[in-house]
Protein backbone atom coordinates (compact mmCIF):
# COMPACT_ATOMS: atom_id res chain seq x y z
CA PHE A 1 -6.08 -5.72 19.26
CA THR A 2 -6.16 -2.09 18.18
CA SER A 3 -3.67 -2.69 15.38
CA ILE A 4 -6.13 -5.00 13.62
CA PHE A 5 -8.89 -2.40 13.75
CA GLY A 6 -6.40 0.28 12.69
CA ALA A 7 -5.47 -1.79 9.65
CA GLN A 8 -9.16 -2.17 8.82
CA PHE A 9 -9.62 1.61 9.01
CA ILE A 10 -6.59 2.36 6.85
CA ILE A 11 -7.52 -0.16 4.16
CA GLY A 12 -11.14 1.00 4.17
CA SER A 13 -10.18 4.64 3.70
CA LEU A 14 -7.69 3.75 0.94
CA VAL A 15 -10.32 1.72 -0.90
CA ALA A 16 -12.77 4.61 -0.63
CA LYS A 17 -10.20 7.08 -1.98
CA SER A 18 -9.18 4.79 -4.83
CA MET A 19 -12.81 4.25 -5.82
CA GLN A 20 -13.36 8.03 -5.95
CA ASN A 21 -10.23 8.53 -8.06
CA ALA A 22 -11.11 5.66 -10.42
CA VAL A 23 -13.95 7.70 -11.96
CA GLY A 24 -11.70 10.43 -13.36
CA PHE A 25 -8.94 8.38 -15.01
CA GLY A 26 -9.54 9.88 -18.47
CA VAL A 27 -9.04 13.46 -17.30
CA GLY A 28 -5.60 15.03 -16.97
CA ILE A 29 -2.18 15.03 -18.58
CA GLY A 30 -2.11 11.30 -19.30
CA GLY A 31 -5.06 11.56 -21.67
CA GLY A 32 -6.66 8.31 -20.57
CA MET A 33 -3.48 6.22 -20.40
CA VAL A 34 -3.09 4.42 -17.08
CA SER A 35 0.35 3.07 -16.27
CA ALA A 36 0.90 -0.39 -14.86
CA GLN A 37 2.32 1.20 -11.68
CA THR A 38 -1.03 2.79 -10.75
CA LEU A 39 -2.70 1.34 -7.69
CA GLN A 40 -5.93 -0.28 -8.81
CA PRO A 41 -9.04 -0.54 -6.60
CA LEU A 42 -9.03 -4.32 -7.09
CA ASP A 43 -5.58 -4.54 -5.51
CA LEU A 44 -6.83 -2.74 -2.42
CA LEU A 45 -9.91 -4.96 -2.24
CA VAL A 46 -7.62 -8.01 -2.12
CA VAL A 47 -5.71 -6.46 0.79
CA GLN A 48 -8.99 -5.59 2.51
CA ALA A 49 -10.19 -9.19 2.11
CA ASN A 50 -7.00 -10.39 3.77
CA THR A 51 -7.41 -8.02 6.71
CA ASN A 52 -11.06 -9.07 7.02
CA MET A 53 -9.96 -12.70 7.26
CA LEU A 54 -7.30 -11.80 9.83
CA THR A 55 -9.91 -9.95 11.91
CA SER A 56 -12.37 -12.83 11.75
CA HIS A 57 -9.71 -15.31 12.86
CA PHE A 58 -8.73 -13.03 15.74
CA VAL A 59 -12.33 -12.63 16.90
CA SER A 60 -13.01 -16.37 16.68
CA LEU A 61 -9.83 -17.16 18.63
CA ALA A 62 -10.73 -14.62 21.31
CA CYS A 63 -14.24 -16.11 21.61
CA LEU A 64 -12.83 -19.63 21.82
CA LEU A 65 -10.43 -18.66 24.59
CA TRP A 66 -13.19 -16.86 26.51
CA LEU A 67 -15.57 -19.83 26.20
CA THR A 68 -12.83 -22.25 27.26
CA ARG A 69 -12.17 -20.13 30.35
CA MET A 70 -15.89 -20.04 31.19
CA VAL A 71 -16.24 -23.82 30.81
CA ASP A 72 -13.18 -24.42 32.99
CA LYS A 73 -14.75 -22.30 35.73
CA LEU A 74 -17.80 -24.58 35.87
CA ASP A 75 -17.76 -26.96 38.82
CA PRO A 76 -18.87 -30.42 37.73
CA PRO A 77 -21.09 -32.32 40.17
CA SER A 78 -19.24 -34.57 42.55
CA LEU A 79 -19.89 -38.32 42.32
CA GLU A 80 -18.34 -39.14 45.72
CA GLU A 81 -21.41 -38.02 47.68
CA ASP A 82 -23.69 -40.41 45.77
CA LEU A 83 -21.78 -43.51 46.92
């Protein structure tokens, strides 16, 4: 449970850092040249979308299991007393 939210936090902070660093690509020793090995913000957004989908599936599964447990606890009316 906590590992899913930890992954969300890590990906969110990495996306925020990469977005801040994306503004200053032209400054520095490279002179505006960005290598293919550089981590792009779009790559991190794809990973964040995957963790968002994983989280939504986990939450929906937990809700389904909770609702199933609550429905199983309900006592249906007995038909034997009516006869």
